[in-house]
Protein backbone atom coordinates (compact mmCIF):
# COMPACT_ATOMS: atom_id res chain seq x y z
CA MET A 1 143.93 136.75 108.86
CA SER A 2 147.42 136.85 106.97
CA SER A 3 147.73 139.37 103.91
CA GLY A 4 148.10 136.44 101.45
CA THR A 5 144.25 135.15 102.50
CA THR A 6 141.36 136.65 102.05
CA ARG A 7 138.57 137.24 103.10
CA THR A 8 136.40 135.20 100.50
CA GLU A 9 139.02 132.51 100.78
CA SER A 10 138.48 132.35 104.22
CA SER A 11 134.68 132.09 103.98
CA GLU A 12 134.88 129.17 101.02
CA ARG A 13 137.83 127.50 102.75
CA GLU A 14 135.16 127.63 106.24
CA SER A 15 131.94 126.71 103.81
CA ALA A 16 134.20 123.42 102.44
CA GLU A 17 134.59 122.36 105.97
CA LEU A 18 130.92 122.95 107.41
CA ILE A 19 129.81 121.01 104.48
CA ALA A 20 132.27 118.44 104.75
CA ASP A 21 131.38 117.67 108.29
CA LEU A 22 127.43 117.49 107.06
CA VAL A 23 128.12 115.42 104.77
CA SER A 24 130.41 112.79 106.47
CA ASP A 25 127.84 112.64 109.25
CA ALA A 26 124.95 112.19 106.37
CA ARG A 27 127.54 108.95 105.51
CA ASP A 28 128.08 108.13 108.93
CA ALA A 29 123.96 107.71 109.33
CA MET A 30 123.42 105.59 106.08
CA ALA A 31 125.93 102.99 107.65
CA GLU A 32 123.59 102.36 110.54
CA ILE A 33 120.59 101.76 107.92
CA ALA A 34 122.53 99.99 105.86
CA ASP A 35 120.77 96.44 106.06
CA TYR A 36 117.49 97.79 106.23
CA ASP A 37 114.62 95.96 104.52
CA GLN A 38 111.58 96.82 102.54
CA ARG A 39 109.61 97.55 105.75
CA GLN A 40 112.09 99.22 107.69
CA ALA A 41 112.46 101.52 105.02
CA ASP A 42 109.33 102.02 104.82
CA ARG A 43 108.56 102.65 107.97
CA LEU A 44 111.42 105.75 107.26
CA ALA A 45 109.27 107.43 104.66
CA ARG A 46 106.41 106.97 106.95
CA ALA A 47 107.97 108.91 109.49
CA VAL A 48 109.02 111.49 107.72
CA GLY A 49 105.66 112.47 106.63
CA TRP A 50 103.84 111.83 109.72
CA ALA A 51 105.96 114.66 111.00
CA VAL A 52 104.55 117.11 108.68
CA TYR A 53 100.81 115.45 108.32
CA GLU A 54 99.82 115.37 111.37
CA GLU A 55 96.89 117.90 111.48
CA GLU A 56 98.20 119.91 114.11
CA ARG A 57 101.76 119.76 113.21
CA CYS A 58 100.56 120.67 109.29
CA ARG A 59 98.75 123.75 110.23
CA GLU A 60 101.22 125.19 112.68
CA LEU A 61 103.94 124.59 109.58
CA SER A 62 101.85 126.33 107.36
CA GLU A 63 101.09 129.25 109.38
CA LEU A 64 104.60 129.45 110.04
CA ALA A 65 105.90 129.18 106.37
CA VAL A 66 103.26 132.33 105.52
CA GLU A 67 104.58 134.69 108.83
CA THR A 68 108.36 133.94 107.77
CA THR A 69 108.76 134.19 104.11
CA GLY A 70 105.29 136.49 103.65
CA LEU A 71 104.42 134.24 100.23
CA GLY A 72 101.39 132.26 99.87
CA ASP A 73 97.96 131.32 101.58
CA VAL A 74 97.82 129.24 104.89
CA GLU A 75 94.95 127.06 104.02
CA ASP A 76 96.45 126.37 100.51
CA LYS A 77 99.52 125.48 102.17
CA TYR A 78 98.00 123.23 104.59
CA ARG A 79 95.97 121.25 102.14
CA LYS A 80 98.94 121.17 99.58
CA LYS A 81 100.85 119.59 102.46
CA ARG A 82 98.00 117.04 103.46
CA ARG A 83 97.22 115.89 99.81
CA LYS A 84 100.91 115.89 98.43
CA ILE A 85 102.20 113.45 101.53
CA PRO A 86 99.80 110.73 101.14
CA GLY A 87 100.19 111.12 97.15
CA VAL A 88 103.87 110.47 97.52
CA LEU A 89 103.20 107.70 100.17
CA ASP A 90 100.63 105.83 98.15
CA ASP A 91 103.49 105.87 94.90
CA LEU A 92 106.32 104.50 96.77
CA LEU A 93 104.71 102.27 99.28
CA GLY A 94 104.34 99.09 97.74
CA GLU A 95 106.91 99.22 95.18
CA PRO A 96 110.48 98.14 96.11
CA THR A 97 113.19 99.80 96.14
CA VAL A 98 115.85 97.82 98.77
CA GLY A 99 117.66 94.47 97.50
CA VAL A 100 116.10 92.53 94.59
CA ILE A 101 113.63 94.64 92.61
CA GLU A 102 112.95 92.64 89.49
CA THR A 103 113.87 89.69 87.75
CA ASP A 104 113.72 89.29 84.26
CA PRO A 105 114.19 85.19 83.33
CA GLU A 106 114.04 85.58 79.67
CA ARG A 107 116.99 87.80 79.83
CA ASN A 108 118.30 86.29 82.95
CA LEU A 109 118.87 89.65 84.39
CA THR A 110 118.66 90.50 88.38
CA GLU A 111 118.06 94.27 89.68
CA ILE A 112 119.50 95.16 92.77
CA ALA A 113 118.35 98.39 94.43
CA LYS A 114 120.77 100.23 96.35
CA PRO A 115 121.48 104.14 97.78
CA VAL A 116 122.79 106.72 95.29
CA GLY A 117 124.69 108.02 98.59
CA VAL A 118 124.51 111.63 100.39
CA VAL A 119 121.33 113.98 98.60
CA GLY A 120 121.40 117.54 98.97
CA ALA A 121 118.49 119.35 97.94
CA VAL A 122 118.05 122.93 97.37
CA VAL A 123 114.60 124.54 98.53
CA PRO A 124 112.73 127.36 97.59
CA SER A 125 111.17 129.86 99.50
CA THR A 126 107.70 129.30 97.71
CA ASN A 127 107.56 125.72 99.10
CA PRO A 128 109.83 125.71 102.12
CA GLY A 129 108.10 123.25 104.21
CA ALA A 130 106.20 120.80 101.39
CA THR A 131 109.44 120.56 99.66
CA PRO A 132 112.12 119.12 101.82
CA THR A 133 109.28 116.66 103.16
CA ILE A 134 108.59 115.24 100.05
CA LEU A 135 111.75 114.84 99.09
CA THR A 136 113.66 113.92 102.06
CA MET A 137 110.55 111.04 101.68
CA MET A 138 112.07 109.60 98.30
CA ALA A 139 115.36 109.69 99.75
CA LEU A 140 114.95 107.84 102.53
CA ASN A 141 113.00 104.95 101.15
CA SER A 142 115.99 104.33 99.39
CA ARG A 143 118.10 104.22 102.39
CA ASN A 144 119.94 107.65 101.56
CA ALA A 145 121.01 110.52 103.53
CA ILE A 146 119.37 113.92 102.61
CA ILE A 147 121.01 117.74 103.04
CA LEU A 148 118.77 120.37 102.72
CA SER A 149 119.66 123.87 101.71
CA PRO A 150 117.27 126.64 102.72
CA SER A 151 116.62 129.97 101.16
CA PRO A 152 116.86 132.47 103.51
CA ARG A 153 113.93 133.48 103.80
CA GLY A 154 112.63 129.71 104.14
CA ARG A 155 115.16 128.77 106.68
CA ALA A 156 112.96 128.91 110.05
CA VAL A 157 110.72 126.82 108.12
CA CYS A 158 113.58 124.70 107.02
CA GLU A 159 114.44 124.20 110.62
CA TRP A 160 111.02 123.36 111.72
CA VAL A 161 110.98 120.23 109.28
CA VAL A 162 114.41 118.96 110.50
CA GLU A 163 113.62 119.16 114.45
CA HIS A 164 110.30 117.82 114.06
CA VAL A 165 111.61 114.60 111.76
CA HIS A 166 114.16 113.95 113.60
CA GLU A 167 111.71 113.67 116.65
CA GLN A 168 110.10 110.95 114.67
CA LEU A 169 113.50 109.02 113.49
CA ASP A 170 114.14 108.66 117.36
CA ARG A 171 110.79 107.64 117.90
CA ILE A 172 111.61 104.90 115.05
CA GLY A 173 115.19 104.05 116.37
CA ALA A 174 116.98 105.86 113.31
CA PRO A 175 120.03 108.26 113.24
CA GLN A 176 118.78 111.81 113.08
CA ASP A 177 122.10 112.54 110.68
CA LEU A 178 119.96 111.05 107.89
CA VAL A 179 118.42 114.16 107.86
CA GLN A 180 120.14 117.35 108.20
CA MET A 181 119.83 121.31 106.99
CA VAL A 182 122.87 123.67 106.04
CA THR A 183 124.38 124.99 109.24
CA PRO A 184 122.89 128.70 109.37
CA PRO A 185 123.45 131.38 108.66
CA VAL A 186 122.34 130.57 104.68
CA SER A 187 124.39 131.62 102.15
CA LYS A 188 125.63 130.64 98.55
CA ALA A 189 129.11 129.66 99.58
CA LYS A 190 127.70 126.97 101.94
CA THR A 191 124.90 125.90 98.84
CA TYR A 192 127.64 126.14 96.22
CA GLU A 193 129.65 124.08 98.13
CA LEU A 194 126.67 121.28 99.04
CA MET A 195 126.04 121.07 95.05
CA ASP A 196 129.77 120.11 94.67
CA GLN A 197 130.08 117.75 97.71
CA VAL A 198 127.23 115.55 97.69
CA ASP A 199 126.64 112.29 95.82
CA LEU A 200 123.14 113.76 94.30
CA LEU A 201 121.64 116.92 94.00
CA GLN A 202 117.89 118.33 93.31
CA VAL A 203 117.16 122.18 93.12
CA THR A 204 114.07 123.40 92.51
CA GLY A 205 113.91 127.24 92.82
CA SER A 206 115.51 130.18 91.04
CA LYS A 207 117.08 130.11 87.90
CA ASP A 208 120.24 131.00 89.01
CA ASN A 209 120.52 128.41 91.85
CA VAL A 210 119.16 125.59 89.79
CA ARG A 211 122.15 126.35 86.59
CA ALA A 212 124.85 126.59 89.56
CA GLY A 213 123.07 123.49 90.13
CA GLN A 214 123.30 122.20 86.78
CA GLU A 215 127.32 123.35 86.29
CA SER A 216 128.57 121.72 89.78
CA GLY A 217 129.12 118.38 87.82
CA THR A 218 127.65 116.83 90.51
CA PRO A 219 125.18 114.14 89.22
CA ASN A 220 121.44 116.11 88.99
CA TYR A 221 117.68 116.36 88.61
CA CYS A 222 117.56 120.42 88.86
CA VAL A 223 114.42 121.52 87.15
CA GLY A 224 113.58 124.02 84.21
CA GLU A 225 111.85 127.29 84.83
CA GLY A 226 108.69 128.78 83.65
CA ASN A 227 104.68 128.58 83.90
CA PRO A 228 102.67 126.24 82.10
CA VAL A 229 100.46 127.80 79.28
CA SER A 230 97.55 126.53 79.18
CA ILE A 231 95.12 126.40 75.58
CA VAL A 232 90.99 126.54 75.52
CA ASP A 233 89.65 125.09 72.59
CA GLU A 234 86.62 125.96 70.39
CA THR A 235 85.36 122.25 71.70
CA ALA A 236 86.04 123.23 75.29
CA ASP A 237 83.63 122.94 78.34
CA VAL A 238 84.37 126.69 78.87
CA ALA A 239 82.70 127.16 82.66
CA ALA A 240 84.97 124.16 83.49
CA ALA A 241 87.84 125.19 81.90
CA ALA A 242 87.72 128.78 83.44
CA GLU A 243 87.11 126.76 86.98
CA ARG A 244 90.10 124.81 86.65
CA ILE A 245 92.63 127.79 85.38
CA ALA A 246 91.20 130.18 87.90
CA THR A 247 91.51 127.79 90.72
CA SER A 248 95.51 126.47 89.52
CA LYS A 249 95.97 130.48 88.78
CA SER A 250 94.77 131.41 92.88
CA PHE A 251 95.81 128.40 94.40
CA ASP A 252 98.75 129.72 97.38
CA ASN A 253 99.11 132.78 95.33
CA GLY A 254 100.34 131.32 92.81
CA THR A 255 103.56 129.60 94.33
CA SER A 256 103.68 126.64 92.33
CA CYS A 257 105.68 126.81 88.88
CA SER A 258 102.93 124.65 87.79
CA SER A 259 99.99 127.18 87.60
CA GLU A 260 99.57 128.54 84.48
CA GLY A 261 101.46 132.01 83.24
CA ASN A 262 99.58 132.27 80.42
CA ALA A 263 96.02 131.21 79.07
CA VAL A 264 96.01 130.68 75.19
CA VAL A 265 92.13 131.08 73.69
CA VAL A 266 90.49 130.49 69.96
CA ASP A 267 88.53 133.47 68.99
CA ALA A 268 85.35 131.33 69.05
CA VAL A 269 85.00 130.66 72.86
CA TYR A 270 87.53 133.99 73.88
CA GLU A 271 84.62 136.21 74.82
CA GLU A 272 83.02 133.73 77.17
CA THR A 273 86.29 132.55 78.70
CA VAL A 274 87.15 135.55 79.73
CA ALA A 275 83.54 136.36 81.10
CA ALA A 276 83.71 132.69 82.70
CA LEU A 277 87.20 133.70 84.13
CA GLU A 278 85.85 136.45 85.42
CA ALA A 279 82.73 134.77 87.12
CA GLU A 280 85.72 132.49 88.92
CA GLY A 281 87.02 135.68 90.54
CA GLY A 282 89.22 137.19 87.70
CA TYR A 283 89.46 140.76 86.92
CA LEU A 284 90.80 142.20 83.54
CA CYS A 285 92.88 145.03 83.16
CA ASP A 286 92.12 147.88 81.59
CA ASP A 287 94.94 149.11 78.92
CA THR A 288 96.17 151.83 81.40
CA GLU A 289 96.19 149.13 84.12
CA ARG A 290 97.87 146.98 82.38
CA SER A 291 100.62 148.93 81.66
CA LYS A 292 100.83 150.27 85.39
CA LEU A 293 100.63 146.29 86.49
CA ARG A 294 103.43 145.35 84.05
CA GLU A 295 105.93 147.55 85.50
CA ALA A 296 104.79 147.03 89.17
CA LEU A 297 105.73 143.42 88.16
CA PHE A 298 108.83 143.96 85.89
CA PRO A 299 110.18 147.59 86.97
CA ASP A 300 114.09 146.58 84.93
CA GLY A 301 111.72 146.19 82.24
CA HIS A 302 112.05 142.45 81.34
CA GLY A 303 111.63 139.37 83.23
CA SER A 304 112.85 139.51 86.61
CA LEU A 305 109.90 139.75 89.02
CA ASN A 306 109.56 142.11 91.56
CA ALA A 307 109.90 140.28 95.19
CA ASP A 308 107.28 142.65 96.52
CA ALA A 309 105.33 141.13 93.75
CA LEU A 310 106.11 137.22 94.22
CA ALA A 311 103.54 135.08 95.47
CA SER A 312 101.31 137.99 96.62
CA GLU A 313 97.47 138.66 97.09
CA PRO A 314 95.50 140.30 93.96
CA SER A 315 94.88 142.98 96.35
CA GLU A 316 98.57 143.50 97.23
CA LEU A 317 99.65 143.66 93.32
CA ALA A 318 96.82 146.18 92.84
CA ALA A 319 97.99 148.36 95.66
CA LEU A 320 102.10 148.06 93.99
CA ALA A 321 101.18 149.05 90.53
CA ASP A 322 98.54 151.83 91.50
CA ILE A 323 95.58 150.20 90.29
CA GLU A 324 92.51 151.61 92.01
CA ALA A 325 89.65 149.81 90.88
CA PRO A 326 87.76 148.12 93.70
CA ALA A 327 87.08 145.47 91.64
CA ALA A 328 91.07 144.36 91.47
CA ARG A 329 91.18 144.63 95.09
CA ARG A 330 89.07 141.92 95.52
CA ALA A 331 89.81 139.99 92.71
CA ASP A 332 91.33 136.68 93.83
CA PHE A 333 93.90 137.22 90.45
CA LEU A 334 94.33 139.39 87.88
CA MET A 335 94.50 139.45 83.80
CA THR A 336 96.08 140.96 81.14
CA GLU A 337 95.55 140.56 77.54
CA GLY A 338 98.45 139.49 75.68
CA ARG A 339 100.25 141.38 73.47
CA GLY A 340 103.22 139.19 72.64
CA THR A 341 105.95 137.03 73.60
CA GLY A 342 109.72 137.36 74.70
CA PRO A 343 111.54 139.41 76.49
CA GLU A 344 109.98 142.94 75.21
CA TYR A 345 106.46 141.54 76.38
CA PRO A 346 107.36 140.09 80.06
CA LEU A 347 104.13 139.02 81.33
CA SER A 348 104.14 136.60 78.37
CA GLY A 349 106.39 134.67 80.84
CA GLU A 350 107.19 132.99 84.39
CA LYS A 351 105.10 134.65 86.99
CA ILE A 352 104.81 133.42 90.68
CA THR A 353 102.03 135.44 90.96
CA THR A 354 98.23 135.70 91.19
CA VAL A 355 98.82 137.19 87.11
CA LEU A 356 97.58 135.41 84.40
CA ASN A 357 97.99 136.73 80.89
CA VAL A 358 95.38 135.74 78.08
CA PHE A 359 96.15 135.73 74.53
CA ARG A 360 93.20 135.35 71.81
CA VAL A 361 94.13 133.62 68.37
CA PRO A 362 92.27 132.91 65.34
CA ASP A 363 91.94 129.16 66.04
CA VAL A 364 94.17 126.08 67.37
CA ASP A 365 97.17 126.21 64.45
CA ALA A 366 97.37 129.90 65.89
CA ALA A 367 97.29 128.25 69.92
CA PHE A 368 100.07 125.90 69.18
CA GLU A 369 101.68 128.14 67.60
CA LEU A 370 101.81 130.68 70.23
CA THR A 371 102.00 128.23 73.01
CA ARG A 372 105.08 126.80 71.04
CA ASP A 373 106.89 130.97 71.38
CA VAL A 374 105.71 131.14 74.63
CA LEU A 375 107.47 128.21 76.01
CA ASP A 376 110.43 129.04 73.57
CA TYR A 377 110.31 132.69 75.67
CA GLU A 378 110.66 131.01 79.17
CA GLY A 379 109.70 127.49 80.25
CA ALA A 380 111.10 125.29 77.24
CA GLY A 381 110.15 121.65 77.99
CA HIS A 382 108.13 122.46 81.67
CA SER A 383 104.00 121.68 80.77
CA ALA A 384 101.45 122.48 79.03
CA GLY A 385 97.94 122.00 78.92
CA ILE A 386 94.48 121.73 76.64
CA HIS A 387 91.24 122.39 77.49
CA THR A 388 89.26 120.31 75.04
CA SER A 389 86.40 117.89 74.34
CA ASP A 390 88.58 115.93 71.19
CA PRO A 391 90.62 113.50 72.04
CA GLU A 392 92.58 113.57 68.52
CA ARG A 393 92.82 117.49 69.32
CA ALA A 394 94.73 116.59 72.59
CA THR A 395 97.37 113.56 71.33
CA ARG A 396 97.98 116.32 68.42
CA ALA A 397 99.20 119.08 71.06
CA GLY A 398 101.22 116.29 72.25
CA GLU A 399 102.68 115.84 68.89
CA GLU A 400 103.36 119.26 68.44
CA ILE A 401 104.00 120.89 71.91
CA ASP A 402 107.34 120.00 72.98
CA VAL A 403 106.80 119.94 77.01
CA ALA A 404 107.44 117.17 79.35
CA ARG A 405 103.84 117.33 80.74
CA LEU A 406 100.67 117.78 78.36
CA LEU A 407 97.60 117.94 80.72
CA VAL A 408 94.33 117.96 79.33
CA ASN A 409 91.14 118.90 81.16
CA GLN A 410 92.94 119.87 84.52
CA THR A 411 93.88 121.84 87.42
CA HIS A 412 97.44 122.18 86.06
CA SER A 413 98.41 123.05 90.16
CA PHE A 414 96.75 120.18 91.88
CA SER A 415 97.73 117.75 88.74
CA ASN A 416 100.86 118.89 87.49
CA GLY A 417 102.80 117.23 90.20
CA GLY A 418 101.08 114.16 90.58
CA HIS A 419 97.35 113.39 91.44
CA TYR A 420 95.36 110.69 91.97
CA ALA A 421 93.57 110.83 89.16
CA ASN A 422 96.28 111.23 86.49
CA GLY A 423 98.86 108.51 87.20
CA LEU A 424 101.40 111.73 87.36
CA GLY A 425 104.30 110.42 90.08
CA SER A 426 103.33 112.86 92.81
CA THR A 427 106.08 115.76 93.56
CA LEU A 428 106.48 119.76 93.76
CA SER A 429 109.87 119.14 91.81
CA GLU A 430 109.23 118.61 87.81
CA GLY A 431 111.72 118.02 85.11
CA GLY A 432 111.72 119.87 81.57
CA GLY A 433 113.89 117.22 80.11
CA THR A 434 116.49 118.65 77.39
CA TRP A 435 114.76 120.75 75.79
CA GLY A 436 114.85 122.89 79.43
CA GLY A 437 118.41 122.04 79.93
CA ASN A 438 117.38 119.62 82.49
CA GLN A 439 118.60 115.82 82.45
CA LEU A 440 114.98 114.33 83.48
CA ASP A 441 111.94 114.74 81.55
CA GLU A 442 109.73 113.24 84.30
CA ASN A 443 108.58 114.18 87.83
CA VAL A 444 111.23 113.79 90.71
CA THR A 445 110.04 110.81 92.38
CA PHE A 446 111.33 107.84 94.64
CA GLU A 447 112.93 106.28 91.61
CA GLN A 448 115.53 108.81 91.03
CA PHE A 449 117.14 108.15 94.41
CA TYR A 450 117.76 104.51 94.19
CA GLN A 451 120.60 102.98 91.58
CA THR A 452 120.85 99.17 90.47
CA THR A 453 123.03 96.96 89.74
CA THR A 454 122.30 94.48 87.24
CA VAL A 455 123.86 90.90 87.53
CA THR A 456 124.12 89.17 84.24
CA ARG A 457 123.99 85.53 83.95
CA PRO A 458 124.66 83.54 80.29
CA ILE A 459 121.52 83.06 78.39
CA GLU A 460 121.11 78.82 77.73
CA GLY A 461 120.54 77.69 74.23
CA ALA A 462 121.41 81.52 72.78
CA THR A 463 121.83 81.86 69.20
CA PRO A 464 123.14 85.32 67.99
CA PRO A 465 121.48 87.50 65.33
CA ASP A 466 120.76 86.88 61.89
CA ALA A 467 121.89 90.12 60.62
CA ALA A 468 120.73 88.99 56.63
CA ALA A 469 117.37 89.16 57.87
CA LEU A 470 117.90 92.12 60.12
CA PHE A 471 119.30 94.11 57.01
CA ASP A 472 116.55 93.08 54.55
CA PRO A 473 115.06 94.45 52.12
CA TYR A 474 118.28 97.10 52.87
CA PRO A 475 120.33 98.39 50.79
CA ASP A 476 118.05 97.17 47.86
CA ALA A 477 114.55 98.15 48.96
């Protein structure tokens, strides 16, 4: 190495060259499928999905994910993939993503779908198998190629996914380089180069990676941070609400950003709701235990979660916090009483683990206000939910709380990313709109992975608009 070349510069140049080679191979693979019709494009999505959905492989991958990352629960990861993959296929099969996808005879417009190009996907360790599978299904269904960049903890899982996807691509005669992974060892330099060199970027994961993706200058569908807030009002079916919240909070040890971090309960049903949550496996920490748990989760005193607490079993969290109560060690999730919001109250922020912060408020007006405060601190635009039997109350929540998704009487971790019973697109990546600093205020679905050419033809007999009629009665009114 010459005296004028630093080790960092050499590493950056090497990373740039490695990524450039992957992108070049991806473009060559896309050229091979450029003439695929819709049937062939759908077959690509099915092949990717089957690589992971098949029962034995799905279980093997789920076991590998927990073994290598130390995060989550095997059975829940298995069920997640077996639920999400068919959900994605159900969304995209039968929907046009190739060629002419829409015609508008009245306006003489024709929409022709085309690939977005080489997609880069940064994959979190919390969903190291499901997220790359789903994004790859969506990308290939519009004849794109995709390059995956896993977290260091998720590298082995991503390698497994790519290997088995390649087997299925071979089976249908499609080029393997449609799906690639950043060459190990995983590094930030390679990930950031990927962000710069691809045509479209999707980042799901840490706030640092999301921020880097959004600042890369590459068109992107990066997602927001923050767990949902669930409101329980005085009209709610408390037992049903508690069952939904408990199921969501404990599923896969809270790895999903769609699992509630906070619940806001009106005073009239607070005691009943806490009791119902305890009956569903929750353990409410006393003041001393709450302080211990806060210190264990946030040892630096603010909102940076201790890596040892990430997606951990409640028994592990109790041990980490030196909480000796047997009931805490047996619980499905731990609960703390909400005291405030903001940096001085890190329990009110995002917690990718099995801890639910529960606030008591006098009425629904206070519930809406506190929910906004929580989201302003961490989770702007992400999502929220309300458990209520009042339809107008649910609509009002949607009007007054600025989130991309407002779920009514649903299990958040199952439904926020799409569910056959709610109409949202199936995904594990959700945009938070401009509230969350994102370009997208929807679920990231197959629709984000094609772009269109609009063919416009003259409209026979068209007349210009009547400006006088359009402005009437302004300015005299």
